Amino acid sequence: MTEIASAARGAILTLACLASLTACDGPNEKAGRDADRAEAAAMGENVTGEGPRERLGEAQDRVEKADARASDAAAEALEKQGDQLRTQADFEADQLDEQARGLRDRKTQATQ
């Protein structure tokens, strides 16, 4: 089962990388570019290169992506912790079952 989950994660990561390559400009960067173009048009100037709002938008997009990656990493860490706790709880439950069986077996042997 872990091999399937690992393969699925790899496929999702590959798709995410491809999607990020095809959509390089984030929404904030695009909005900044549009604002820079509108301002230049209002002033009767031609747009050349990146404007200040586009650069600011690009920085905001990077921050948002970094925040999303940090949130994903934190969620994955919590999932791993939950898996470890479930594994430990299952182990302890198995031990308690063994103890209960042992007590029942001893009681059965004592009454015979």
PDB file of N, CA and C in Angstrom:
ATOM      1  N   MET A   1       0.819  -1.190   0.000  1.00  0.00           N
ATOM      2  CA  MET A   1       0.000   0.000   0.000  1.00  0.00           C
ATOM      3  C   MET A   1       0.865   1.257   0.000  1.00  0.00           C
ATOM      4  N   THR A   2       1.987   1.253   0.713  1.00  0.00           N
ATOM      5  CA  THR A   2       2.839   2.433   0.741  1.00  0.00           C
ATOM      6  C   THR A   2       3.477   2.679  -0.616  1.00  0.00           C
ATOM      7  N   GLU A   3       3.709   1.619  -1.399  1.00  0.00           N
ATOM      8  CA  GLU A   3       4.265   1.803  -2.729  1.00  0.00           C
ATOM      9  C   GLU A   3       3.262   2.523  -3.620  1.00  0.00           C
ATOM     10  N   ILE A   4       1.987   2.186  -3.489  1.00  0.00           N
ATOM     11  CA  ILE A   4       0.944   2.840  -4.283  1.00  0.00           C
ATOM     12  C   ILE A   4       0.842   4.307  -3.886  1.00  0.00           C
ATOM     13  N   ALA A   5       0.863   4.574  -2.590  1.00  0.00           N
ATOM     14  CA  ALA A   5       0.777   5.957  -2.111  1.00  0.00           C
ATOM     15  C   ALA A   5       1.990   6.756  -2.574  1.00  0.00           C
ATOM     16  N   SER A   6       3.158   6.146  -2.551  1.00  0.00           N
ATOM     17  CA  SER A   6       4.367   6.824  -2.992  1.00  0.00           C
ATOM     18  C   SER A   6       4.301   7.129  -4.483  1.00  0.00           C
ATOM     19  N   ALA A   7       3.809   6.181  -5.262  1.00  0.00           N
ATOM     20  CA  ALA A   7       3.668   6.401  -6.702  1.00  0.00           C
ATOM     21  C   ALA A   7       2.652   7.505  -6.977  1.00  0.00           C
ATOM     22  N   ALA A   8       1.577   7.524  -6.213  1.00  0.00           N
ATOM     23  CA  ALA A   8       0.558   8.561  -6.395  1.00  0.00           C
ATOM     24  C   ALA A   8       1.126   9.928  -6.050  1.00  0.00           C
ATOM     25  N   ARG A   9       1.889  10.009  -4.984  1.00  0.00           N
ATOM     26  CA  ARG A   9       2.503  11.294  -4.618  1.00  0.00           C
ATOM     27  C   ARG A   9       3.451  11.763  -5.708  1.00  0.00           C
ATOM     28  N   GLY A  10       4.217  10.824  -6.270  1.00  0.00           N
ATOM     29  CA  GLY A  10       5.139  11.171  -7.346  1.00  0.00           C
ATOM     30  C   GLY A  10       4.409  11.691  -8.564  1.00  0.00           C
ATOM     31  N   ALA A  11       3.297  11.058  -8.906  1.00  0.00           N
ATOM     32  CA  ALA A  11       2.513  11.504 -10.052  1.00  0.00           C
ATOM     33  C   ALA A  11       1.930  12.888  -9.803  1.00  0.00           C
ATOM     34  N   ILE A  12       1.432  13.120  -8.595  1.00  0.00           N
ATOM     35  CA  ILE A  12       0.856  14.425  -8.266  1.00  0.00           C
ATOM     36  C   ILE A  12       1.934  15.502  -8.297  1.00  0.00           C
ATOM     37  N   LEU A  13       3.104  15.197  -7.774  1.00  0.00           N
ATOM     38  CA  LEU A  13       4.203  16.155  -7.781  1.00  0.00           C
ATOM     39  C   LEU A  13       4.609  16.492  -9.208  1.00  0.00           C
ATOM     40  N   THR A  14       4.672  15.480 -10.073  1.00  0.00           N
ATOM     41  CA  THR A  14       5.026  15.713 -11.470  1.00  0.00           C
ATOM     42  C   THR A  14       4.003  16.612 -12.143  1.00  0.00           C
ATOM     43  N   LEU A  15       2.722  16.340 -11.914  1.00  0.00           N
ATOM     44  CA  LEU A  15       1.676  17.179 -12.501  1.00  0.00           C
ATOM     45  C   LEU A  15       1.745  18.609 -11.970  1.00  0.00           C
ATOM     46  N   ALA A  16       2.038  18.753 -10.699  1.00  0.00           N
ATOM     47  CA  ALA A  16       2.139  20.089 -10.111  1.00  0.00           C
ATOM     48  C   ALA A  16       3.298  20.866 -10.731  1.00  0.00           C
ATOM     49  N   CYS A  17       4.418  20.182 -10.947  1.00  0.00           N
ATOM     50  CA  CYS A  17       5.579  20.835 -11.565  1.00  0.00           C
ATOM     51  C   CYS A  17       5.254  21.268 -12.990  1.00  0.00           C
ATOM     52  N   LEU A  18       4.595  20.393 -13.736  1.00  0.00           N
ATOM     53  CA  LEU A  18       4.219  20.739 -15.105  1.00  0.00           C
ATOM     54  C   LEU A  18       3.257  21.915 -15.132  1.00  0.00           C
ATOM     55  N   ALA A  19       2.318  21.912 -14.209  1.00  0.00           N
ATOM     56  CA  ALA A  19       1.353  23.013 -14.150  1.00  0.00           C
ATOM     57  C   ALA A  19       2.046  24.324 -13.805  1.00  0.00           C
ATOM     58  N   SER A  20       3.026  24.274 -12.916  1.00  0.00           N
ATOM     59  CA  SER A  20       3.718  25.507 -12.537  1.00  0.00           C
ATOM     60  C   SER A  20       4.584  26.025 -13.676  1.00  0.00           C
ATOM     61  N   LEU A  21       5.098  25.115 -14.526  1.00  0.00           N
ATOM     62  CA  LEU A  21       5.883  25.557 -15.667  1.00  0.00           C
ATOM     63  C   LEU A  21       5.015  26.216 -16.729  1.00  0.00           C
ATOM     64  N   THR A  22       3.822  25.724 -16.909  1.00  0.00           N
ATOM     65  CA  THR A  22       2.945  26.283 -17.932  1.00  0.00           C
ATOM     66  C   THR A  22       2.298  27.582 -17.482  1.00  0.00           C
ATOM     67  N   ALA A  23       2.176  27.805 -16.191  1.00  0.00           N
ATOM     68  CA  ALA A  23       1.562  29.027 -15.678  1.00  0.00           C
ATOM     69  C   ALA A  23       2.558  29.760 -14.802  1.00  0.00           C
ATOM     70  N   CYS A  24       3.519  30.414 -15.426  1.00  0.00           N
ATOM     71  CA  CYS A  24       4.596  31.052 -14.668  1.00  0.00           C
ATOM     72  C   CYS A  24       4.133  32.293 -13.920  1.00  0.00           C
ATOM     73  N   ASP A  25       3.251  33.068 -14.533  1.00  0.00           N
ATOM     74  CA  ASP A  25       2.807  34.296 -13.891  1.00  0.00           C
ATOM     75  C   ASP A  25       1.643  34.010 -12.961  1.00  0.00           C
ATOM     76  N   GLY A  26       1.790  34.454 -11.736  1.00  0.00           N
ATOM     77  CA  GLY A  26       0.721  34.269 -10.769  1.00  0.00           C
ATOM     78  C   GLY A  26      -0.323  35.370 -10.894  1.00  0.00           C
ATOM     79  N   PRO A  27      -1.411  35.238 -10.175  1.00  0.00           N
ATOM     80  CA  PRO A  27      -2.496  36.219 -10.284  1.00  0.00           C
ATOM     81  C   PRO A  27      -2.096  37.620  -9.833  1.00  0.00           C
ATOM     82  N   ASN A  28      -1.273  37.710  -8.809  1.00  0.00           N
ATOM     83  CA  ASN A  28      -0.844  39.034  -8.337  1.00  0.00           C
ATOM     84  C   ASN A  28       0.075  39.706  -9.353  1.00  0.00           C
ATOM     85  N   GLU A  29       0.945  38.906  -9.966  1.00  0.00           N
ATOM     86  CA  GLU A  29       1.842  39.444 -10.976  1.00  0.00           C
ATOM     87  C   GLU A  29       1.050  39.947 -12.189  1.00  0.00           C
ATOM     88  N   LYS A  30       0.059  39.160 -12.606  1.00  0.00           N
ATOM     89  CA  LYS A  30      -0.773  39.565 -13.744  1.00  0.00           C
ATOM     90  C   LYS A  30      -1.535  40.847 -13.429  1.00  0.00           C
ATOM     91  N   ALA A  31      -2.093  40.918 -12.227  1.00  0.00           N
ATOM     92  CA  ALA A  31      -2.835  42.120 -11.829  1.00  0.00           C
ATOM     93  C   ALA A  31      -1.910  43.332 -11.785  1.00  0.00           C
ATOM     94  N   GLY A  32      -0.695  43.142 -11.288  1.00  0.00           N
ATOM     95  CA  GLY A  32       0.283  44.228 -11.253  1.00  0.00           C
ATOM     96  C   GLY A  32       0.661  44.690 -12.648  1.00  0.00           C
ATOM     97  N   ARG A  33       0.845  43.722 -13.556  1.00  0.00           N
ATOM     98  CA  ARG A  33       1.176  44.058 -14.938  1.00  0.00           C
ATOM     99  C   ARG A  33       0.047  44.885 -15.561  1.00  0.00           C
ATOM    100  N   ASP A  34      -1.187  44.442 -15.326  1.00  0.00           N
ATOM    101  CA  ASP A  34      -2.337  45.176 -15.865  1.00  0.00           C
ATOM    102  C   ASP A  34      -2.398  46.588 -15.293  1.00  0.00           C
ATOM    103  N   ALA A  35      -2.118  46.738 -14.006  1.00  0.00           N
ATOM    104  CA  ALA A  35      -2.130  48.064 -13.373  1.00  0.00           C
ATOM    105  C   ALA A  35      -1.020  48.931 -13.946  1.00  0.00           C
ATOM    106  N   ASP A  36       0.163  48.356 -14.150  1.00  0.00           N
ATOM    107  CA  ASP A  36       1.270  49.117 -14.740  1.00  0.00           C
ATOM    108  C   ASP A  36       0.911  49.573 -16.155  1.00  0.00           C
ATOM    109  N   ARG A  37       0.296  48.685 -16.934  1.00  0.00           N
ATOM    110  CA  ARG A  37      -0.094  49.039 -18.302  1.00  0.00           C
ATOM    111  C   ARG A  37      -1.166  50.129 -18.311  1.00  0.00           C
ATOM    112  N   ALA A  38      -2.120  50.013 -17.405  1.00  0.00           N
ATOM    113  CA  ALA A  38      -3.185  51.015 -17.336  1.00  0.00           C
ATOM    114  C   ALA A  38      -2.609  52.378 -16.965  1.00  0.00           C
ATOM    115  N   GLU A  39      -1.688  52.399 -16.018  1.00  0.00           N
ATOM    116  CA  GLU A  39      -1.072  53.663 -15.617  1.00  0.00           C
ATOM    117  C   GLU A  39      -0.260  54.257 -16.754  1.00  0.00           C
ATOM    118  N   ALA A  40       0.500  53.412 -17.451  1.00  0.00           N
ATOM    119  CA  ALA A  40       1.305  53.897 -18.568  1.00  0.00           C
ATOM    120  C   ALA A  40       0.408  54.429 -19.680  1.00  0.00           C
ATOM    121  N   ALA A  41      -0.692  53.727 -19.949  1.00  0.00           N
ATOM    122  CA  ALA A  41      -1.611  54.180 -20.987  1.00  0.00           C
ATOM    123  C   ALA A  41      -2.252  55.516 -20.600  1.00  0.00           C
ATOM    124  N   ALA A  42      -2.572  55.676 -19.325  1.00  0.00           N
ATOM    125  CA  ALA A  42      -3.177  56.924 -18.855  1.00  0.00           C
ATOM    126  C   ALA A  42      -2.209  58.092 -18.985  1.00  0.00           C
ATOM    127  N   MET A  43      -0.921  57.786 -18.860  1.00  0.00           N
ATOM    128  CA  MET A  43       0.102  58.834 -18.963  1.00  0.00           C
ATOM    129  C   MET A  43       0.584  58.991 -20.406  1.00  0.00           C
ATOM    130  N   GLY A  44       0.059  58.161 -21.315  1.00  0.00           N
ATOM    131  CA  GLY A  44       0.457  58.242 -22.719  1.00  0.00           C
ATOM    132  C   GLY A  44       1.834  57.665 -22.990  1.00  0.00           C
ATOM    133  N   GLU A  45       2.275  56.737 -22.164  1.00  0.00           N
ATOM    134  CA  GLU A  45       3.605  56.130 -22.328  1.00  0.00           C
ATOM    135  C   GLU A  45       3.465  54.698 -22.827  1.00  0.00           C
ATOM    136  N   ASN A  46       4.539  54.201 -23.397  1.00  0.00           N
ATOM    137  CA  ASN A  46       4.589  52.798 -23.792  1.00  0.00           C
ATOM    138  C   ASN A  46       5.090  51.967 -22.620  1.00  0.00           C
ATOM    139  N   VAL A  47       4.591  50.752 -22.515  1.00  0.00           N
ATOM    140  CA  VAL A  47       5.022  49.849 -21.452  1.00  0.00           C
ATOM    141  C   VAL A  47       6.280  49.146 -21.919  1.00  0.00           C
ATOM    142  N   THR A  48       7.333  49.285 -21.139  1.00  0.00           N
ATOM    143  CA  THR A  48       8.580  48.578 -21.465  1.00  0.00           C
ATOM    144  C   THR A  48       9.032  47.819 -20.235  1.00  0.00           C
ATOM    145  N   GLY A  49       9.203  46.531 -20.379  1.00  0.00           N
ATOM    146  CA  GLY A  49       9.683  45.710 -19.279  1.00  0.00           C
ATOM    147  C   GLY A  49       8.670  45.595 -18.150  1.00  0.00           C
ATOM    148  N   GLU A  50       9.169  45.211 -17.002  1.00  0.00           N
ATOM    149  CA  GLU A  50       8.317  45.042 -15.829  1.00  0.00           C
ATOM    150  C   GLU A  50       8.182  46.361 -15.095  1.00  0.00           C
ATOM    151  N   GLY A  51       6.975  46.611 -14.635  1.00  0.00           N
ATOM    152  CA  GLY A  51       6.738  47.797 -13.833  1.00  0.00           C
ATOM    153  C   GLY A  51       6.805  47.458 -12.361  1.00  0.00           C
ATOM    154  N   PRO A  52       6.720  48.475 -11.511  1.00  0.00           N
ATOM    155  CA  PRO A  52       6.844  48.239 -10.074  1.00  0.00           C
ATOM    156  C   PRO A  52       5.704  47.379  -9.503  1.00  0.00           C
ATOM    157  N   ARG A  53       4.499  47.562  -9.997  1.00  0.00           N
ATOM    158  CA  ARG A  53       3.379  46.765  -9.483  1.00  0.00           C
ATOM    159  C   ARG A  53       3.500  45.291  -9.914  1.00  0.00           C
ATOM    160  N   GLU A  54       4.013  45.079 -11.122  1.00  0.00           N
ATOM    161  CA  GLU A  54       4.204  43.700 -11.584  1.00  0.00           C
ATOM    162  C   GLU A  54       5.259  42.995 -10.725  1.00  0.00           C
ATOM    163  N   ARG A  55       6.349  43.691 -10.421  1.00  0.00           N
ATOM    164  CA  ARG A  55       7.393  43.097  -9.570  1.00  0.00           C
ATOM    165  C   ARG A  55       6.862  42.825  -8.168  1.00  0.00           C
ATOM    166  N   LEU A  56       6.065  43.758  -7.635  1.00  0.00           N
ATOM    167  CA  LEU A  56       5.464  43.562  -6.319  1.00  0.00           C
ATOM    168  C   LEU A  56       4.516  42.374  -6.346  1.00  0.00           C
ATOM    169  N   GLY A  57       3.709  42.276  -7.394  1.00  0.00           N
ATOM    170  CA  GLY A  57       2.787  41.141  -7.532  1.00  0.00           C
ATOM    171  C   GLY A  57       3.525  39.823  -7.628  1.00  0.00           C
ATOM    172  N   GLU A  58       4.641  39.823  -8.355  1.00  0.00           N
ATOM    173  CA  GLU A  58       5.443  38.603  -8.472  1.00  0.00           C
ATOM    174  C   GLU A  58       5.976  38.184  -7.097  1.00  0.00           C
ATOM    175  N   ALA A  59       6.427  39.165  -6.315  1.00  0.00           N
ATOM    176  CA  ALA A  59       6.909  38.860  -4.964  1.00  0.00           C
ATOM    177  C   ALA A  59       5.773  38.313  -4.097  1.00  0.00           C
ATOM    178  N   GLN A  60       4.596  38.901  -4.225  1.00  0.00           N
ATOM    179  CA  GLN A  60       3.451  38.413  -3.451  1.00  0.00           C
ATOM    180  C   GLN A  60       3.097  36.979  -3.855  1.00  0.00           C
ATOM    181  N   ASP A  61       3.176  36.685  -5.146  1.00  0.00           N
ATOM    182  CA  ASP A  61       2.906  35.316  -5.605  1.00  0.00           C
ATOM    183  C   ASP A  61       3.909  34.330  -5.013  1.00  0.00           C
ATOM    184  N   ARG A  62       5.179  34.742  -4.961  1.00  0.00           N
ATOM    185  CA  ARG A  62       6.202  33.853  -4.369  1.00  0.00           C
ATOM    186  C   ARG A  62       5.924  33.601  -2.896  1.00  0.00           C
ATOM    187  N   VAL A  63       5.524  34.651  -2.180  1.00  0.00           N
ATOM    188  CA  VAL A  63       5.210  34.502  -0.755  1.00  0.00           C
ATOM    189  C   VAL A  63       4.028  33.553  -0.572  1.00  0.00           C
ATOM    190  N   GLU A  64       2.995  33.717  -1.388  1.00  0.00           N
ATOM    191  CA  GLU A  64       1.823  32.848  -1.280  1.00  0.00           C
ATOM    192  C   GLU A  64       2.169  31.396  -1.587  1.00  0.00           C
ATOM    193  N   LYS A  65       3.022  31.183  -2.595  1.00  0.00           N
ATOM    194  CA  LYS A  65       3.439  29.815  -2.923  1.00  0.00           C
ATOM    195  C   LYS A  65       4.246  29.216  -1.779  1.00  0.00           C
ATOM    196  N   ALA A  66       5.129  30.023  -1.190  1.00  0.00           N
ATOM    197  CA  ALA A  66       5.931  29.530  -0.065  1.00  0.00           C
ATOM    198  C   ALA A  66       5.037  29.194   1.121  1.00  0.00           C
ATOM    199  N   ASP A  67       4.033  30.037   1.369  1.00  0.00           N
ATOM    200  CA  ASP A  67       3.088  29.760   2.460  1.00  0.00           C
ATOM    201  C   ASP A  67       2.324  28.467   2.201  1.00  0.00           C
ATOM    202  N   ALA A  68       1.917  28.268   0.956  1.00  0.00           N
ATOM    203  CA  ALA A  68       1.184  27.044   0.608  1.00  0.00           C
ATOM    204  C   ALA A  68       2.069  25.814   0.798  1.00  0.00           C
ATOM    205  N   ARG A  69       3.337  25.920   0.396  1.00  0.00           N
ATOM    206  CA  ARG A  69       4.260  24.787   0.584  1.00  0.00           C
ATOM    207  C   ARG A  69       4.479  24.516   2.068  1.00  0.00           C
ATOM    208  N   ALA A  70       4.601  25.573   2.861  1.00  0.00           N
ATOM    209  CA  ALA A  70       4.786  25.392   4.305  1.00  0.00           C
ATOM    210  C   ALA A  70       3.553  24.746   4.932  1.00  0.00           C
ATOM    211  N   SER A  71       2.384  25.164   4.499  1.00  0.00           N
ATOM    212  CA  SER A  71       1.152  24.563   5.020  1.00  0.00           C
ATOM    213  C   SER A  71       1.053  23.094   4.630  1.00  0.00           C
ATOM    214  N   ASP A  72       1.419  22.796   3.385  1.00  0.00           N
ATOM    215  CA  ASP A  72       1.401  21.405   2.930  1.00  0.00           C
ATOM    216  C   ASP A  72       2.385  20.554   3.730  1.00  0.00           C
ATOM    217  N   ALA A  73       3.565  21.103   3.986  1.00  0.00           N
ATOM    218  CA  ALA A  73       4.564  20.360   4.756  1.00  0.00           C
ATOM    219  C   ALA A  73       4.081  20.129   6.185  1.00  0.00           C
ATOM    220  N   ALA A  74       3.455  21.146   6.775  1.00  0.00           N
ATOM    221  CA  ALA A  74       2.941  20.992   8.135  1.00  0.00           C
ATOM    222  C   ALA A  74       1.820  19.955   8.172  1.00  0.00           C
ATOM    223  N   ALA A  75       0.946  19.981   7.163  1.00  0.00           N
ATOM    224  CA  ALA A  75      -0.150  18.999   7.110  1.00  0.00           C
ATOM    225  C   ALA A  75       0.407  17.594   6.943  1.00  0.00           C
ATOM    226  N   GLU A  76       1.420  17.449   6.103  1.00  0.00           N
ATOM    227  CA  GLU A  76       2.018  16.127   5.904  1.00  0.00           C
ATOM    228  C   GLU A  76       2.679  15.636   7.192  1.00  0.00           C
ATOM    229  N   ALA A  77       3.336  16.536   7.917  1.00  0.00           N
ATOM    230  CA  ALA A  77       3.961  16.154   9.180  1.00  0.00           C
ATOM    231  C   ALA A  77       2.905  15.695  10.186  1.00  0.00           C
ATOM    232  N   LEU A  78       1.774  16.396  10.230  1.00  0.00           N
ATOM    233  CA  LEU A  78       0.696  15.992  11.139  1.00  0.00           C
ATOM    234  C   LEU A  78       0.119  14.637  10.741  1.00  0.00           C
ATOM    235  N   GLU A  79      -0.012  14.403   9.436  1.00  0.00           N
ATOM    236  CA  GLU A  79      -0.507  13.099   8.984  1.00  0.00           C
ATOM    237  C   GLU A  79       0.448  11.983   9.395  1.00  0.00           C
ATOM    238  N   LYS A  80       1.750  12.225   9.242  1.00  0.00           N
ATOM    239  CA  LYS A  80       2.731  11.218   9.657  1.00  0.00           C
ATOM    240  C   LYS A  80       2.661  10.979  11.155  1.00  0.00           C
ATOM    241  N   GLN A  81       2.494  12.050  11.911  1.00  0.00           N
ATOM    242  CA  GLN A  81       2.384  11.909  13.358  1.00  0.00           C
ATOM    243  C   GLN A  81       1.134  11.108  13.713  1.00  0.00           C
ATOM    244  N   GLY A  82       0.031  11.381  13.020  1.00  0.00           N
ATOM    245  CA  GLY A  82      -1.195  10.623  13.250  1.00  0.00           C
ATOM    246  C   GLY A  82      -1.007   9.146  12.928  1.00  0.00           C
ATOM    247  N   ASP A  83      -0.311   8.872  11.817  1.00  0.00           N
ATOM    248  CA  ASP A  83      -0.028   7.477  11.452  1.00  0.00           C
ATOM    249  C   ASP A  83       0.800   6.784  12.536  1.00  0.00           C
ATOM    250  N   GLN A  84       1.808   7.489  13.057  1.00  0.00           N
ATOM    251  CA  GLN A  84       2.650   6.910  14.108  1.00  0.00           C
ATOM    252  C   GLN A  84       1.840   6.649  15.370  1.00  0.00           C
ATOM    253  N   LEU A  85       0.974   7.597  15.725  1.00  0.00           N
ATOM    254  CA  LEU A  85       0.145   7.412  16.919  1.00  0.00           C
ATOM    255  C   LEU A  85      -0.809   6.232  16.745  1.00  0.00           C
ATOM    256  N   ARG A  86      -1.395   6.094  15.535  1.00  0.00           N
ATOM    257  CA  ARG A  86      -2.281   4.950  15.280  1.00  0.00           C
ATOM    258  C   ARG A  86      -1.512   3.641  15.369  1.00  0.00           C
ATOM    259  N   THR A  87      -0.310   3.610  14.816  1.00  0.00           N
ATOM    260  CA  THR A  87       0.512   2.404  14.866  1.00  0.00           C
ATOM    261  C   THR A  87       0.828   2.046  16.313  1.00  0.00           C
ATOM    262  N   GLN A  88       1.216   3.033  17.107  1.00  0.00           N
ATOM    263  CA  GLN A  88       1.530   2.801  18.512  1.00  0.00           C
ATOM    264  C   GLN A  88       0.289   2.331  19.270  1.00  0.00           C
ATOM    265  N   ALA A  89      -0.856   2.957  19.000  1.00  0.00           N
ATOM    266  CA  ALA A  89      -2.093   2.564  19.675  1.00  0.00           C
ATOM    267  C   ALA A  89      -2.481   1.134  19.303  1.00  0.00           C
ATOM    268  N   ASP A  90      -2.317   0.770  18.030  1.00  0.00           N
ATOM    269  CA  ASP A  90      -2.607  -0.606  17.602  1.00  0.00           C
ATOM    270  C   ASP A  90      -1.698  -1.598  18.316  1.00  0.00           C
ATOM    271  N   PHE A  91      -0.427  -1.243  18.447  1.00  0.00           N
ATOM    272  CA  PHE A  91       0.529  -2.119  19.135  1.00  0.00           C
ATOM    273  C   PHE A  91       0.130  -2.294  20.600  1.00  0.00           C
ATOM    274  N   GLU A  92      -0.216  -1.197  21.251  1.00  0.00           N
ATOM    275  CA  GLU A  92      -0.606  -1.267  22.663  1.00  0.00           C
ATOM    276  C   GLU A  92      -1.915  -2.037  22.830  1.00  0.00           C
ATOM    277  N   ALA A  93      -2.832  -1.869  21.900  1.00  0.00           N
ATOM    278  CA  ALA A  93      -4.100  -2.616  21.965  1.00  0.00           C
ATOM    279  C   ALA A  93      -3.838  -4.111  21.809  1.00  0.00           C
ATOM    280  N   ASP A  94      -2.935  -4.467  20.913  1.00  0.00           N
ATOM    281  CA  ASP A  94      -2.578  -5.883  20.746  1.00  0.00           C
ATOM    282  C   ASP A  94      -1.977  -6.449  22.027  1.00  0.00           C
ATOM    283  N   GLN A  95      -1.127  -5.666  22.692  1.00  0.00           N
ATOM    284  CA  GLN A  95      -0.530  -6.118  23.954  1.00  0.00           C
ATOM    285  C   GLN A  95      -1.606  -6.325  25.019  1.00  0.00           C
ATOM    286  N   LEU A  96      -2.552  -5.405  25.104  1.00  0.00           N
ATOM    287  CA  LEU A  96      -3.630  -5.545  26.081  1.00  0.00           C
ATOM    288  C   LEU A  96      -4.503  -6.761  25.771  1.00  0.00           C
ATOM    289  N   ASP A  97      -4.750  -7.028  24.498  1.00  0.00           N
ATOM    290  CA  ASP A  97      -5.494  -8.227  24.110  1.00  0.00           C
ATOM    291  C   ASP A  97      -4.755  -9.485  24.555  1.00  0.00           C
ATOM    292  N   GLU A  98      -3.462  -9.495  24.381  1.00  0.00           N
ATOM    293  CA  GLU A  98      -2.649 -10.649  24.809  1.00  0.00           C
ATOM    294  C   GLU A  98      -2.744 -10.844  26.316  1.00  0.00           C
ATOM    295  N   GLN A  99      -2.673  -9.752  27.061  1.00  0.00           N
ATOM    296  CA  GLN A  99      -2.778  -9.842  28.513  1.00  0.00           C
ATOM    297  C   GLN A  99      -4.150 -10.372  28.925  1.00  0.00           C
ATOM    298  N   ALA A 100      -5.192  -9.892  28.271  1.00  0.00           N
ATOM    299  CA  ALA A 100      -6.547 -10.345  28.594  1.00  0.00           C
ATOM    300  C   ALA A 100      -6.690 -11.836  28.283  1.00  0.00           C
ATOM    301  N   ARG A 101      -6.164 -12.268  27.145  1.00  0.00           N
ATOM    302  CA  ARG A 101      -6.229 -13.692  26.802  1.00  0.00           C
ATOM    303  C   ARG A 101      -5.486 -14.533  27.834  1.00  0.00           C
ATOM    304  N   GLY A 102      -4.338 -14.018  28.265  1.00  0.00           N
ATOM    305  CA  GLY A 102      -3.561 -14.729  29.268  1.00  0.00           C
ATOM    306  C   GLY A 102      -4.323 -14.873  30.577  1.00  0.00           C
ATOM    307  N   LEU A 103      -4.974 -13.812  31.008  1.00  0.00           N
ATOM    308  CA  LEU A 103      -5.774 -13.865  32.232  1.00  0.00           C
ATOM    309  C   LEU A 103      -6.932 -14.858  32.098  1.00  0.00           C
ATOM    310  N   ARG A 104      -7.606 -14.852  30.954  1.00  0.00           N
ATOM    311  CA  ARG A 104      -8.715 -15.781  30.743  1.00  0.00           C
ATOM    312  C   ARG A 104      -8.213 -17.226  30.732  1.00  0.00           C
ATOM    313  N   ASP A 105      -7.076 -17.441  30.069  1.00  0.00           N
ATOM    314  CA  ASP A 105      -6.515 -18.794  30.006  1.00  0.00           C
ATOM    315  C   ASP A 105      -6.140 -19.291  31.401  1.00  0.00           C
ATOM    316  N   ARG A 106      -5.540 -18.436  32.213  1.00  0.00           N
ATOM    317  CA  ARG A 106      -5.162 -18.830  33.581  1.00  0.00           C
ATOM    318  C   ARG A 106      -6.396 -19.122  34.421  1.00  0.00           C
ATOM    319  N   LYS A 107      -7.443 -18.327  34.247  1.00  0.00           N
ATOM    320  CA  LYS A 107      -8.661 -18.563  35.016  1.00  0.00           C
ATOM    321  C   LYS A 107      -9.313 -19.873  34.595  1.00  0.00           C
ATOM    322  N   THR A 108      -9.300 -20.144  33.300  1.00  0.00           N
ATOM    323  CA  THR A 108      -9.873 -21.396  32.789  1.00  0.00           C
ATOM    324  C   THR A 108      -9.093 -22.595  33.330  1.00  0.00           C
ATOM    325  N   GLN A 109      -7.782 -22.491  33.348  1.00  0.00           N
ATOM    326  CA  GLN A 109      -6.924 -23.591  33.838  1.00  0.00           C
ATOM    327  C   GLN A 109      -7.113 -23.776  35.334  1.00  0.00           C
ATOM    328  N   ALA A 110      -7.308 -22.712  36.076  1.00  0.00           N
ATOM    329  CA  ALA A 110      -7.466 -22.805  37.522  1.00  0.00           C
ATOM    330  C   ALA A 110      -8.790 -23.450  37.915  1.00  0.00           C
ATOM    331  N   THR A 111      -9.806 -23.260  37.111  1.00  0.00           N
ATOM    332  CA  THR A 111     -11.118 -23.849  37.437  1.00  0.00           C
ATOM    333  C   THR A 111     -11.238 -25.293  36.993  1.00  0.00           C
ATOM    334  N   GLN A 112     -10.335 -25.767  36.206  1.00  0.00           N
ATOM    335  CA  GLN A 112     -10.433 -27.161  35.732  1.00  0.00           C
ATOM    336  C   GLN A 112      -9.808 -28.117  36.676  1.00  0.00           C
TER     337      GLN A 112
END
